[in-house]
PDB file of N, CA and C in Angstrom:
ATOM      1  N   MET A   1      42.987 -27.024  13.216  1.00  0.00           N
ATOM      2  CA  MET A   1      42.357 -27.158  14.504  1.00  0.00           C
ATOM      3  C   MET A   1      42.459 -28.622  14.935  1.00  0.00           C
ATOM      4  N   LYS A   2      42.694 -28.830  16.222  1.00  0.00           N
ATOM      5  CA  LYS A   2      42.839 -30.194  16.721  1.00  0.00           C
ATOM      6  C   LYS A   2      41.542 -30.663  17.378  1.00  0.00           C
ATOM      7  N   TYR A   3      41.257 -31.933  17.134  1.00  0.00           N
ATOM      8  CA  TYR A   3      40.097 -32.603  17.726  1.00  0.00           C
ATOM      9  C   TYR A   3      40.539 -33.934  18.301  1.00  0.00           C
ATOM     10  N   MET A   4      39.881 -34.348  19.363  1.00  0.00           N
ATOM     11  CA  MET A   4      40.086 -35.694  19.890  1.00  0.00           C
ATOM     12  C   MET A   4      38.917 -36.551  19.408  1.00  0.00           C
ATOM     13  N   LEU A   5      39.248 -37.647  18.775  1.00  0.00           N
ATOM     14  CA  LEU A   5      38.243 -38.645  18.411  1.00  0.00           C
ATOM     15  C   LEU A   5      38.337 -39.732  19.470  1.00  0.00           C
ATOM     16  N   MET A   6      37.282 -39.901  20.242  1.00  0.00           N
ATOM     17  CA  MET A   6      37.269 -40.937  21.286  1.00  0.00           C
ATOM     18  C   MET A   6      36.443 -42.109  20.785  1.00  0.00           C
ATOM     19  N   PHE A   7      37.092 -43.254  20.678  1.00  0.00           N
ATOM     20  CA  PHE A   7      36.458 -44.454  20.172  1.00  0.00           C
ATOM     21  C   PHE A   7      35.875 -45.217  21.358  1.00  0.00           C
ATOM     22  N   THR A   8      34.567 -45.346  21.385  1.00  0.00           N
ATOM     23  CA  THR A   8      33.924 -45.973  22.532  1.00  0.00           C
ATOM     24  C   THR A   8      33.423 -47.370  22.186  1.00  0.00           C
ATOM     25  N   ALA A   9      33.207 -48.131  23.231  1.00  0.00           N
ATOM     26  CA  ALA A   9      32.652 -49.475  23.102  1.00  0.00           C
ATOM     27  C   ALA A   9      31.711 -49.690  24.274  1.00  0.00           C
ATOM     28  N   THR A  10      30.739 -50.539  24.074  1.00  0.00           N
ATOM     29  CA  THR A  10      29.893 -50.913  25.205  1.00  0.00           C
ATOM     30  C   THR A  10      30.663 -51.925  26.042  1.00  0.00           C
ATOM     31  N   LYS A  11      30.242 -52.085  27.279  1.00  0.00           N
ATOM     32  CA  LYS A  11      30.899 -53.082  28.148  1.00  0.00           C
ATOM     33  C   LYS A  11      30.757 -54.470  27.526  1.00  0.00           C
ATOM     34  N   ASP A  12      29.553 -54.785  27.004  1.00  0.00           N
ATOM     35  CA  ASP A  12      29.346 -56.087  26.359  1.00  0.00           C
ATOM     36  C   ASP A  12      30.227 -56.230  25.124  1.00  0.00           C
ATOM     37  N   GLY A  13      30.315 -55.153  24.342  1.00  0.00           N
ATOM     38  CA  GLY A  13      31.150 -55.177  23.151  1.00  0.00           C
ATOM     39  C   GLY A  13      32.619 -55.384  23.492  1.00  0.00           C
ATOM     40  N   GLN A  14      33.058 -54.775  24.582  1.00  0.00           N
ATOM     41  CA  GLN A  14      34.447 -54.943  25.022  1.00  0.00           C
ATOM     42  C   GLN A  14      34.714 -56.393  25.418  1.00  0.00           C
ATOM     43  N   ARG A  15      33.769 -56.995  26.133  1.00  0.00           N
ATOM     44  CA  ARG A  15      33.933 -58.412  26.515  1.00  0.00           C
ATOM     45  C   ARG A  15      33.950 -59.307  25.282  1.00  0.00           C
ATOM     46  N   GLN A  16      33.076 -59.008  24.306  1.00  0.00           N
ATOM     47  CA  GLN A  16      33.055 -59.801  23.079  1.00  0.00           C
ATOM     48  C   GLN A  16      34.382 -59.662  22.334  1.00  0.00           C
ATOM     49  N   TRP A  17      34.922 -58.433  22.279  1.00  0.00           N
ATOM     50  CA  TRP A  17      36.210 -58.183  21.628  1.00  0.00           C
ATOM     51  C   TRP A  17      37.304 -59.019  22.272  1.00  0.00           C
ATOM     52  N   GLU A  18      37.327 -59.003  23.599  1.00  0.00           N
ATOM     53  CA  GLU A  18      38.372 -59.721  24.329  1.00  0.00           C
ATOM     54  C   GLU A  18      38.251 -61.233  24.161  1.00  0.00           C
ATOM     55  N   SER A  19      37.051 -61.728  23.852  1.00  0.00           N
ATOM     56  CA  SER A  19      36.867 -63.169  23.699  1.00  0.00           C
ATOM     57  C   SER A  19      36.949 -63.632  22.236  1.00  0.00           C
ATOM     58  N   LEU A  20      37.185 -62.718  21.311  1.00  0.00           N
ATOM     59  CA  LEU A  20      37.315 -63.106  19.899  1.00  0.00           C
ATOM     60  C   LEU A  20      38.522 -64.013  19.699  1.00  0.00           C
ATOM     61  N   PRO A  21      38.396 -64.980  18.797  1.00  0.00           N
ATOM     62  CA  PRO A  21      39.582 -65.764  18.439  1.00  0.00           C
ATOM     63  C   PRO A  21      40.651 -64.837  17.861  1.00  0.00           C
ATOM     64  N   GLU A  22      41.898 -65.169  18.075  1.00  0.00           N
ATOM     65  CA  GLU A  22      43.015 -64.310  17.681  1.00  0.00           C
ATOM     66  C   GLU A  22      42.971 -63.931  16.200  1.00  0.00           C
ATOM     67  N   GLU A  23      42.595 -64.846  15.324  1.00  0.00           N
ATOM     68  CA  GLU A  23      42.583 -64.538  13.892  1.00  0.00           C
ATOM     69  C   GLU A  23      41.535 -63.479  13.554  1.00  0.00           C
ATOM     70  N   LYS A  24      40.372 -63.520  14.202  1.00  0.00           N
ATOM     71  CA  LYS A  24      39.340 -62.508  13.944  1.00  0.00           C
ATOM     72  C   LYS A  24      39.761 -61.154  14.515  1.00  0.00           C
ATOM     73  N   ARG A  25      40.355 -61.171  15.701  1.00  0.00           N
ATOM     74  CA  ARG A  25      40.820 -59.920  16.301  1.00  0.00           C
ATOM     75  C   ARG A  25      41.922 -59.308  15.428  1.00  0.00           C
ATOM     76  N   SER A  26      42.815 -60.139  14.907  1.00  0.00           N
ATOM     77  CA  SER A  26      43.884 -59.651  14.031  1.00  0.00           C
ATOM     78  C   SER A  26      43.311 -59.018  12.765  1.00  0.00           C
ATOM     79  N   ALA A  27      42.253 -59.612  12.225  1.00  0.00           N
ATOM     80  CA  ALA A  27      41.611 -59.051  11.028  1.00  0.00           C
ATOM     81  C   ALA A  27      41.004 -57.682  11.334  1.00  0.00           C
ATOM     82  N   GLU A  28      40.408 -57.547  12.492  1.00  0.00           N
ATOM     83  CA  GLU A  28      39.834 -56.255  12.890  1.00  0.00           C
ATOM     84  C   GLU A  28      40.939 -55.221  13.106  1.00  0.00           C
ATOM     85  N   TYR A  29      42.030 -55.632  13.749  1.00  0.00           N
ATOM     86  CA  TYR A  29      43.164 -54.724  13.933  1.00  0.00           C
ATOM     87  C   TYR A  29      43.716 -54.283  12.581  1.00  0.00           C
ATOM     88  N   ALA A  30      43.697 -55.160  11.602  1.00  0.00           N
ATOM     89  CA  ALA A  30      44.180 -54.806  10.265  1.00  0.00           C
ATOM     90  C   ALA A  30      43.316 -53.701   9.664  1.00  0.00           C
ATOM     91  N   ARG A  31      42.001 -53.813   9.827  1.00  0.00           N
ATOM     92  CA  ARG A  31      41.093 -52.771   9.326  1.00  0.00           C
ATOM     93  C   ARG A  31      41.352 -51.441  10.022  1.00  0.00           C
ATOM     94  N   ILE A  32      41.569 -51.489  11.337  1.00  0.00           N
ATOM     95  CA  ILE A  32      41.857 -50.275  12.101  1.00  0.00           C
ATOM     96  C   ILE A  32      43.198 -49.695  11.658  1.00  0.00           C
ATOM     97  N   GLY A  33      44.183 -50.555  11.456  1.00  0.00           N
ATOM     98  CA  GLY A  33      45.494 -50.105  10.983  1.00  0.00           C
ATOM     99  C   GLY A  33      45.408 -49.434   9.622  1.00  0.00           C
ATOM    100  N   GLU A  34      44.551 -49.959   8.746  1.00  0.00           N
ATOM    101  CA  GLU A  34      44.345 -49.346   7.433  1.00  0.00           C
ATOM    102  C   GLU A  34      43.765 -47.938   7.584  1.00  0.00           C
ATOM    103  N   TRP A  35      42.821 -47.784   8.519  1.00  0.00           N
ATOM    104  CA  TRP A  35      42.215 -46.473   8.762  1.00  0.00           C
ATOM    105  C   TRP A  35      43.288 -45.485   9.218  1.00  0.00           C
ATOM    106  N   PHE A  36      44.129 -45.899  10.198  1.00  0.00           N
ATOM    107  CA  PHE A  36      45.203 -45.030  10.670  1.00  0.00           C
ATOM    108  C   PHE A  36      46.186 -44.722   9.543  1.00  0.00           C
ATOM    109  N   GLY A  37      46.478 -45.711   8.705  1.00  0.00           N
ATOM    110  CA  GLY A  37      47.390 -45.492   7.589  1.00  0.00           C
ATOM    111  C   GLY A  37      46.842 -44.504   6.572  1.00  0.00           C
ATOM    112  N   ARG A  38      45.574 -44.643   6.236  1.00  0.00           N
ATOM    113  CA  ARG A  38      44.920 -43.742   5.282  1.00  0.00           C
ATOM    114  C   ARG A  38      44.889 -42.309   5.790  1.00  0.00           C
ATOM    115  N   ASN A  39      44.700 -42.149   7.090  1.00  0.00           N
ATOM    116  CA  ASN A  39      44.530 -40.825   7.676  1.00  0.00           C
ATOM    117  C   ASN A  39      45.767 -40.334   8.423  1.00  0.00           C
ATOM    118  N   GLY A  40      46.875 -41.065   8.302  1.00  0.00           N
ATOM    119  CA  GLY A  40      48.094 -40.780   9.037  1.00  0.00           C
ATOM    120  C   GLY A  40      48.558 -39.336   9.054  1.00  0.00           C
ATOM    121  N   PRO A  41      48.554 -38.637   7.912  1.00  0.00           N
ATOM    122  CA  PRO A  41      49.040 -37.255   7.940  1.00  0.00           C
ATOM    123  C   PRO A  41      48.212 -36.322   8.839  1.00  0.00           C
ATOM    124  N   LYS A  42      46.987 -36.676   9.109  1.00  0.00           N
ATOM    125  CA  LYS A  42      46.123 -35.831   9.937  1.00  0.00           C
ATOM    126  C   LYS A  42      46.153 -36.233  11.413  1.00  0.00           C
ATOM    127  N   ILE A  43      46.717 -37.396  11.710  1.00  0.00           N
ATOM    128  CA  ILE A  43      46.704 -37.904  13.086  1.00  0.00           C
ATOM    129  C   ILE A  43      47.968 -37.456  13.808  1.00  0.00           C
ATOM    130  N   VAL A  44      47.780 -36.725  14.887  1.00  0.00           N
ATOM    131  CA  VAL A  44      48.883 -36.205  15.679  1.00  0.00           C
ATOM    132  C   VAL A  44      49.335 -37.245  16.703  1.00  0.00           C
ATOM    133  N   ASP A  45      48.390 -37.951  17.316  1.00  0.00           N
ATOM    134  CA  ASP A  45      48.685 -38.909  18.368  1.00  0.00           C
ATOM    135  C   ASP A  45      47.468 -39.816  18.542  1.00  0.00           C
ATOM    136  N   GLY A  46      47.654 -40.938  19.185  1.00  0.00           N
ATOM    137  CA  GLY A  46      46.530 -41.814  19.470  1.00  0.00           C
ATOM    138  C   GLY A  46      46.989 -43.134  20.038  1.00  0.00           C
ATOM    139  N   TYR A  47      46.136 -43.724  20.842  1.00  0.00           N
ATOM    140  CA  TYR A  47      46.435 -45.004  21.459  1.00  0.00           C
ATOM    141  C   TYR A  47      45.164 -45.797  21.687  1.00  0.00           C
ATOM    142  N   GLU A  48      45.318 -47.109  21.687  1.00  0.00           N
ATOM    143  CA  GLU A  48      44.277 -47.994  22.193  1.00  0.00           C
ATOM    144  C   GLU A  48      44.478 -48.036  23.702  1.00  0.00           C
ATOM    145  N   LEU A  49      43.396 -48.086  24.446  1.00  0.00           N
ATOM    146  CA  LEU A  49      43.483 -48.129  25.900  1.00  0.00           C
ATOM    147  C   LEU A  49      43.181 -49.536  26.401  1.00  0.00           C
ATOM    148  N   GLN A  50      43.784 -49.902  27.500  1.00  0.00           N
ATOM    149  CA  GLN A  50      43.442 -51.165  28.133  1.00  0.00           C
ATOM    150  C   GLN A  50      42.017 -51.070  28.673  1.00  0.00           C
ATOM    151  N   SER A  51      41.459 -52.193  29.020  1.00  0.00           N
ATOM    152  CA  SER A  51      40.101 -52.258  29.560  1.00  0.00           C
ATOM    153  C   SER A  51      39.946 -51.323  30.750  1.00  0.00           C
ATOM    154  N   ASP A  52      38.736 -50.827  30.958  1.00  0.00           N
ATOM    155  CA  ASP A  52      38.502 -49.940  32.103  1.00  0.00           C
ATOM    156  C   ASP A  52      38.756 -50.641  33.435  1.00  0.00           C
ATOM    157  N   GLN A  53      38.797 -51.955  33.422  1.00  0.00           N
ATOM    158  CA  GLN A  53      39.114 -52.685  34.656  1.00  0.00           C
ATOM    159  C   GLN A  53      40.583 -52.503  35.054  1.00  0.00           C
ATOM    160  N   ALA A  54      41.409 -52.029  34.122  1.00  0.00           N
ATOM    161  CA  ALA A  54      42.810 -51.756  34.422  1.00  0.00           C
ATOM    162  C   ALA A  54      43.005 -50.324  34.934  1.00  0.00           C
ATOM    163  N   ALA A  55      41.918 -49.561  35.008  1.00  0.00           N
ATOM    164  CA  ALA A  55      42.008 -48.154  35.412  1.00  0.00           C
ATOM    165  C   ALA A  55      42.268 -48.007  36.904  1.00  0.00           C
ATOM    166  N   THR A  56      42.909 -46.920  37.243  1.00  0.00           N
ATOM    167  CA  THR A  56      43.046 -46.473  38.621  1.00  0.00           C
ATOM    168  C   THR A  56      42.505 -45.053  38.643  1.00  0.00           C
ATOM    169  N   THR A  57      41.656 -44.749  39.597  1.00  0.00           N
ATOM    170  CA  THR A  57      40.993 -43.457  39.642  1.00  0.00           C
ATOM    171  C   THR A  57      41.422 -42.678  40.878  1.00  0.00           C
ATOM    172  N   VAL A  58      41.698 -41.403  40.672  1.00  0.00           N
ATOM    173  CA  VAL A  58      41.978 -40.494  41.785  1.00  0.00           C
ATOM    174  C   VAL A  58      40.799 -39.533  41.867  1.00  0.00           C
ATOM    175  N   ARG A  59      40.140 -39.504  42.995  1.00  0.00           N
ATOM    176  CA  ARG A  59      39.067 -38.538  43.224  1.00  0.00           C
ATOM    177  C   ARG A  59      39.387 -37.816  44.520  1.00  0.00           C
ATOM    178  N   PHE A  60      38.663 -36.756  44.776  1.00  0.00           N
ATOM    179  CA  PHE A  60      38.956 -35.949  45.960  1.00  0.00           C
ATOM    180  C   PHE A  60      37.769 -35.960  46.908  1.00  0.00           C
ATOM    181  N   ASP A  61      38.060 -36.211  48.176  1.00  0.00           N
ATOM    182  CA  ASP A  61      37.062 -36.220  49.235  1.00  0.00           C
ATOM    183  C   ASP A  61      37.500 -35.172  50.250  1.00  0.00           C
ATOM    184  N   SER A  62      36.753 -34.086  50.323  1.00  0.00           N
ATOM    185  CA  SER A  62      37.111 -32.963  51.204  1.00  0.00           C
ATOM    186  C   SER A  62      38.522 -32.465  50.932  1.00  0.00           C
ATOM    187  N   GLY A  63      38.894 -32.434  49.645  1.00  0.00           N
ATOM    188  CA  GLY A  63      40.201 -31.928  49.253  1.00  0.00           C
ATOM    189  C   GLY A  63      41.338 -32.917  49.332  1.00  0.00           C
ATOM    190  N   LYS A  64      41.090 -34.113  49.863  1.00  0.00           N
ATOM    191  CA  LYS A  64      42.147 -35.122  49.981  1.00  0.00           C
ATOM    192  C   LYS A  64      41.987 -36.159  48.870  1.00  0.00           C
ATOM    193  N   PRO A  65      43.102 -36.496  48.205  1.00  0.00           N
ATOM    194  CA  PRO A  65      43.009 -37.485  47.136  1.00  0.00           C
ATOM    195  C   PRO A  65      42.752 -38.889  47.677  1.00  0.00           C
ATOM    196  N   VAL A  66      41.856 -39.595  46.994  1.00  0.00           N
ATOM    197  CA  VAL A  66      41.534 -40.982  47.331  1.00  0.00           C
ATOM    198  C   VAL A  66      41.752 -41.797  46.061  1.00  0.00           C
ATOM    199  N   VAL A  67      42.605 -42.817  46.133  1.00  0.00           N
ATOM    200  CA  VAL A  67      42.936 -43.652  44.986  1.00  0.00           C
ATOM    201  C   VAL A  67      42.145 -44.948  45.079  1.00  0.00           C
ATOM    202  N   THR A  68      41.461 -45.307  43.980  1.00  0.00           N
ATOM    203  CA  THR A  68      40.701 -46.558  43.942  1.00  0.00           C
ATOM    204  C   THR A  68      41.048 -47.311  42.664  1.00  0.00           C
ATOM    205  N   ASP A  69      40.970 -48.624  42.733  1.00  0.00           N
ATOM    206  CA  ASP A  69      41.169 -49.448  41.548  1.00  0.00           C
ATOM    207  C   ASP A  69      39.901 -49.438  40.718  1.00  0.00           C
ATOM    208  N   GLY A  70      40.080 -49.480  39.408  1.00  0.00           N
ATOM    209  CA  GLY A  70      38.947 -49.550  38.503  1.00  0.00           C
ATOM    210  C   GLY A  70      38.388 -48.182  38.184  1.00  0.00           C
ATOM    211  N   PRO A  71      37.420 -48.171  37.283  1.00  0.00           N
ATOM    212  CA  PRO A  71      36.831 -46.888  36.883  1.00  0.00           C
ATOM    213  C   PRO A  71      35.970 -46.328  38.005  1.00  0.00           C
ATOM    214  N   PHE A  72      35.943 -45.015  38.119  1.00  0.00           N
ATOM    215  CA  PHE A  72      35.129 -44.367  39.135  1.00  0.00           C
ATOM    216  C   PHE A  72      33.676 -44.306  38.691  1.00  0.00           C
ATOM    217  N   LEU A  73      33.465 -43.977  37.417  1.00  0.00           N
ATOM    218  CA  LEU A  73      32.102 -43.825  36.920  1.00  0.00           C
ATOM    219  C   LEU A  73      31.543 -45.162  36.468  1.00  0.00           C
ATOM    220  N   GLU A  74      30.339 -45.432  36.827  1.00  0.00           N
ATOM    221  CA  GLU A  74      29.636 -46.602  36.314  1.00  0.00           C
ATOM    222  C   GLU A  74      28.952 -46.176  35.027  1.00  0.00           C
ATOM    223  N   ALA A  75      29.285 -46.805  33.951  1.00  0.00           N
ATOM    224  CA  ALA A  75      28.729 -46.428  32.659  1.00  0.00           C
ATOM    225  C   ALA A  75      28.532 -47.676  31.812  1.00  0.00           C
ATOM    226  N   LYS A  76      27.685 -47.544  30.810  1.00  0.00           N
ATOM    227  CA  LYS A  76      27.451 -48.655  29.893  1.00  0.00           C
ATOM    228  C   LYS A  76      28.492 -48.676  28.789  1.00  0.00           C
ATOM    229  N   GLU A  77      29.168 -47.535  28.586  1.00  0.00           N
ATOM    230  CA  GLU A  77      30.194 -47.457  27.557  1.00  0.00           C
ATOM    231  C   GLU A  77      31.541 -47.155  28.192  1.00  0.00           C
ATOM    232  N   THR A  78      32.570 -47.487  27.461  1.00  0.00           N
ATOM    233  CA  THR A  78      33.934 -47.222  27.907  1.00  0.00           C
ATOM    234  C   THR A  78      34.717 -46.643  26.735  1.00  0.00           C
ATOM    235  N   ILE A  79      35.733 -45.861  27.018  1.00  0.00           N
ATOM    236  CA  ILE A  79      36.591 -45.334  25.962  1.00  0.00           C
ATOM    237  C   ILE A  79      37.646 -46.385  25.661  1.00  0.00           C
ATOM    238  N   ALA A  80      37.627 -46.875  24.435  1.00  0.00           N
ATOM    239  CA  ALA A  80      38.538 -47.950  24.036  1.00  0.00           C
ATOM    240  C   ALA A  80      39.858 -47.406  23.493  1.00  0.00           C
ATOM    241  N   GLY A  81      39.836 -46.175  23.019  1.00  0.00           N
ATOM    242  CA  GLY A  81      41.040 -45.573  22.473  1.00  0.00           C
ATOM    243  C   GLY A  81      40.731 -44.173  21.990  1.00  0.00           C
ATOM    244  N   TYR A  82      41.762 -43.505  21.478  1.00  0.00           N
ATOM    245  CA  TYR A  82      41.561 -42.141  21.003  1.00  0.00           C
ATOM    246  C   TYR A  82      42.597 -41.801  19.943  1.00  0.00           C
ATOM    247  N   ALA A  83      42.288 -40.773  19.189  1.00  0.00           N
ATOM    248  CA  ALA A  83      43.239 -40.193  18.247  1.00  0.00           C
ATOM    249  C   ALA A  83      43.082 -38.685  18.312  1.00  0.00           C
ATOM    250  N   ILE A  84      44.193 -37.986  18.296  1.00  0.00           N
ATOM    251  CA  ILE A  84      44.185 -36.538  18.180  1.00  0.00           C
ATOM    252  C   ILE A  84      44.457 -36.237  16.712  1.00  0.00           C
ATOM    253  N   VAL A  85      43.562 -35.498  16.082  1.00  0.00           N
ATOM    254  CA  VAL A  85      43.724 -35.174  14.668  1.00  0.00           C
ATOM    255  C   VAL A  85      43.878 -33.672  14.503  1.00  0.00           C
ATOM    256  N   ASP A  86      44.641 -33.269  13.509  1.00  0.00           N
ATOM    257  CA  ASP A  86      44.834 -31.857  13.188  1.00  0.00           C
ATOM    258  C   ASP A  86      44.239 -31.648  11.803  1.00  0.00           C
ATOM    259  N   VAL A  87      43.074 -31.014  11.771  1.00  0.00           N
ATOM    260  CA  VAL A  87      42.309 -30.840  10.535  1.00  0.00           C
ATOM    261  C   VAL A  87      41.844 -29.391  10.412  1.00  0.00           C
ATOM    262  N   ALA A  88      41.270 -29.057   9.280  1.00  0.00           N
ATOM    263  CA  ALA A  88      40.849 -27.681   9.024  1.00  0.00           C
ATOM    264  C   ALA A  88      39.689 -27.252   9.915  1.00  0.00           C
ATOM    265  N   ASP A  89      38.729 -28.176  10.146  1.00  0.00           N
ATOM    266  CA  ASP A  89      37.532 -27.777  10.879  1.00  0.00           C
ATOM    267  C   ASP A  89      36.758 -29.021  11.337  1.00  0.00           C
ATOM    268  N   LEU A  90      35.643 -28.781  12.017  1.00  0.00           N
ATOM    269  CA  LEU A  90      34.812 -29.875  12.522  1.00  0.00           C
ATOM    270  C   LEU A  90      34.339 -30.787  11.395  1.00  0.00           C
ATOM    271  N   ASP A  91      33.980 -30.214  10.262  1.00  0.00           N
ATOM    272  CA  ASP A  91      33.502 -31.040   9.153  1.00  0.00           C
ATOM    273  C   ASP A  91      34.536 -32.088   8.750  1.00  0.00           C
ATOM    274  N   GLU A  92      35.800 -31.682   8.698  1.00  0.00           N
ATOM    275  CA  GLU A  92      36.853 -32.633   8.330  1.00  0.00           C
ATOM    276  C   GLU A  92      37.044 -33.686   9.419  1.00  0.00           C
ATOM    277  N   ALA A  93      36.936 -33.285  10.689  1.00  0.00           N
ATOM    278  CA  ALA A  93      37.025 -34.252  11.790  1.00  0.00           C
ATOM    279  C   ALA A  93      35.878 -35.254  11.704  1.00  0.00           C
ATOM    280  N   LEU A  94      34.695 -34.779  11.344  1.00  0.00           N
ATOM    281  CA  LEU A  94      33.532 -35.671  11.226  1.00  0.00           C
ATOM    282  C   LEU A  94      33.694 -36.655  10.071  1.00  0.00           C
ATOM    283  N   VAL A  95      34.325 -36.218   8.993  1.00  0.00           N
ATOM    284  CA  VAL A  95      34.588 -37.134   7.873  1.00  0.00           C
ATOM    285  C   VAL A  95      35.437 -38.303   8.368  1.00  0.00           C
ATOM    286  N   LEU A  96      36.458 -38.000   9.167  1.00  0.00           N
ATOM    287  CA  LEU A  96      37.298 -39.070   9.711  1.00  0.00           C
ATOM    288  C   LEU A  96      36.486 -39.983  10.626  1.00  0.00           C
ATOM    289  N   ALA A  97      35.704 -39.386  11.511  1.00  0.00           N
ATOM    290  CA  ALA A  97      34.913 -40.177  12.466  1.00  0.00           C
ATOM    291  C   ALA A  97      33.920 -41.085  11.744  1.00  0.00           C
ATOM    292  N   LYS A  98      33.342 -40.604  10.672  1.00  0.00           N
ATOM    293  CA  LYS A  98      32.337 -41.384   9.929  1.00  0.00           C
ATOM    294  C   LYS A  98      32.945 -42.591   9.221  1.00  0.00           C
ATOM    295  N   THR A  99      34.261 -42.598   9.055  1.00  0.00           N
ATOM    296  CA  THR A  99      34.904 -43.732   8.380  1.00  0.00           C
ATOM    297  C   THR A  99      35.554 -44.702   9.362  1.00  0.00           C
ATOM    298  N   TRP A 100      35.380 -44.493  10.676  1.00  0.00           N
ATOM    299  CA  TRP A 100      35.959 -45.403  11.673  1.00  0.00           C
ATOM    300  C   TRP A 100      35.449 -46.806  11.394  1.00  0.00           C
ATOM    301  N   PRO A 101      36.321 -47.794  11.227  1.00  0.00           N
ATOM    302  CA  PRO A 101      35.921 -49.103  10.710  1.00  0.00           C
ATOM    303  C   PRO A 101      35.164 -50.026  11.659  1.00  0.00           C
ATOM    304  N   THR A 102      35.149 -49.769  12.960  1.00  0.00           N
ATOM    305  CA  THR A 102      34.521 -50.735  13.861  1.00  0.00           C
ATOM    306  C   THR A 102      33.013 -50.606  13.945  1.00  0.00           C
ATOM    307  N   GLY A 103      32.469 -49.472  13.514  1.00  0.00           N
ATOM    308  CA  GLY A 103      31.031 -49.259  13.639  1.00  0.00           C
ATOM    309  C   GLY A 103      30.626 -48.800  15.028  1.00  0.00           C
ATOM    310  N   GLY A 104      31.578 -48.652  15.925  1.00  0.00           N
ATOM    311  CA  GLY A 104      31.280 -48.174  17.271  1.00  0.00           C
ATOM    312  C   GLY A 104      31.138 -46.656  17.285  1.00  0.00           C
ATOM    313  N   THR A 105      30.675 -46.142  18.400  1.00  0.00           N
ATOM    314  CA  THR A 105      30.480 -44.707  18.558  1.00  0.00           C
ATOM    315  C   THR A 105      31.823 -43.986  18.619  1.00  0.00           C
ATOM    316  N   VAL A 106      31.898 -42.837  17.954  1.00  0.00           N
ATOM    317  CA  VAL A 106      33.084 -41.984  17.998  1.00  0.00           C
ATOM    318  C   VAL A 106      32.632 -40.603  18.477  1.00  0.00           C
ATOM    319  N   GLU A 107      33.133 -40.195  19.632  1.00  0.00           N
ATOM    320  CA  GLU A 107      32.849 -38.841  20.115  1.00  0.00           C
ATOM    321  C   GLU A 107      33.942 -37.929  19.590  1.00  0.00           C
ATOM    322  N   VAL A 108      33.537 -36.796  19.030  1.00  0.00           N
ATOM    323  CA  VAL A 108      34.474 -35.827  18.455  1.00  0.00           C
ATOM    324  C   VAL A 108      34.424 -34.581  19.330  1.00  0.00           C
ATOM    325  N   ARG A 109      35.589 -34.201  19.854  1.00  0.00           N
ATOM    326  CA  ARG A 109      35.626 -33.059  20.766  1.00  0.00           C
ATOM    327  C   ARG A 109      36.812 -32.163  20.432  1.00  0.00           C
ATOM    328  N   PRO A 110      36.583 -30.837  20.313  1.00  0.00           N
ATOM    329  CA  PRO A 110      37.703 -29.933  20.050  1.00  0.00           C
ATOM    330  C   PRO A 110      38.675 -29.901  21.211  1.00  0.00           C
ATOM    331  N   VAL A 111      39.944 -29.746  20.876  1.00  0.00           N
ATOM    332  CA  VAL A 111      41.005 -29.634  21.875  1.00  0.00           C
ATOM    333  C   VAL A 111      41.264 -28.154  22.105  1.00  0.00           C
ATOM    334  N   ILE A 112      41.416 -27.763  23.359  1.00  0.00           N
ATOM    335  CA  ILE A 112      41.775 -26.384  23.677  1.00  0.00           C
ATOM    336  C   ILE A 112      43.287 -26.279  23.571  1.00  0.00           C
ATOM    337  N   GLU A 113      43.737 -25.455  22.645  1.00  0.00           N
ATOM    338  CA  GLU A 113      45.175 -25.296  22.451  1.00  0.00           C
ATOM    339  C   GLU A 113      45.615 -23.994  23.101  1.00  0.00           C
ATOM    340  N   ARG A 114      46.607 -24.101  23.969  1.00  0.00           N
ATOM    341  CA  ARG A 114      47.147 -22.938  24.663  1.00  0.00           C
ATOM    342  C   ARG A 114      48.649 -22.869  24.436  1.00  0.00           C
ATOM    343  N   GLN A 115      49.181 -21.694  24.557  1.00  0.00           N
ATOM    344  CA  GLN A 115      50.632 -21.525  24.536  1.00  0.00           C
ATOM    345  C   GLN A 115      51.131 -21.750  25.960  1.00  0.00           C
ATOM    346  N   GLY A 116      52.241 -22.433  26.111  1.00  0.00           N
ATOM    347  CA  GLY A 116      52.803 -22.635  27.437  1.00  0.00           C
ATOM    348  C   GLY A 116      52.184 -23.821  28.143  1.00  0.00           C
ATOM    349  N   PRO A 117      52.478 -23.977  29.436  1.00  0.00           N
ATOM    350  CA  PRO A 117      51.990 -25.126  30.194  1.00  0.00           C
ATOM    351  C   PRO A 117      50.481 -25.052  30.404  1.00  0.00           C
ATOM    352  N   PRO A 118      49.839 -26.195  30.655  1.00  0.00           N
ATOM    353  CA  PRO A 118      48.392 -26.205  30.873  1.00  0.00           C
ATOM    354  C   PRO A 118      48.020 -25.377  32.102  1.00  0.00           C
ATOM    355  N   ALA A 119      46.797 -24.843  32.067  1.00  0.00           N
ATOM    356  CA  ALA A 119      46.290 -24.065  33.199  1.00  0.00           C
ATOM    357  C   ALA A 119      46.117 -24.982  34.405  1.00  0.00           C
ATOM    358  N   ARG A 120      46.329 -24.478  35.553  1.00  0.00           N
ATOM    359  CA  ARG A 120      46.169 -25.256  36.792  1.00  0.00           C
ATOM    360  C   ARG A 120      44.910 -24.806  37.496  1.00  0.00           C
ATOM    361  N   GLY A 121      44.177 -25.799  38.045  1.00  0.00           N
ATOM    362  CA  GLY A 121      42.898 -25.510  38.678  1.00  0.00           C
ATOM    363  C   GLY A 121      42.922 -25.304  40.124  1.00  0.00           C
TER     364      GLY A 121
END
């Protein structure tokens, strides 16, 4: 079964991360890389995301798309990255989430797997 592990950070935490000296940030990336290496066979895909300030949002107003710079939702947390894992069950996905090295929140969500192209709304 596939799950998405969404690695979140607070806005303050994201700013602190971005202001870390390069050597400290590199050390943290090394810890994250070790986690991905240890769990590699179970990880299907995953990426670190740029800051939410780099986001572009498409929303709909009376059925017409409106494009805006930046995140649409105002939130205290942001998704910093994600990994798609293929594991036996939720318990195994939670084991992975509990070992995430940054100490930040990890949301675990099942992926809906369908045959063929995604459903259209």
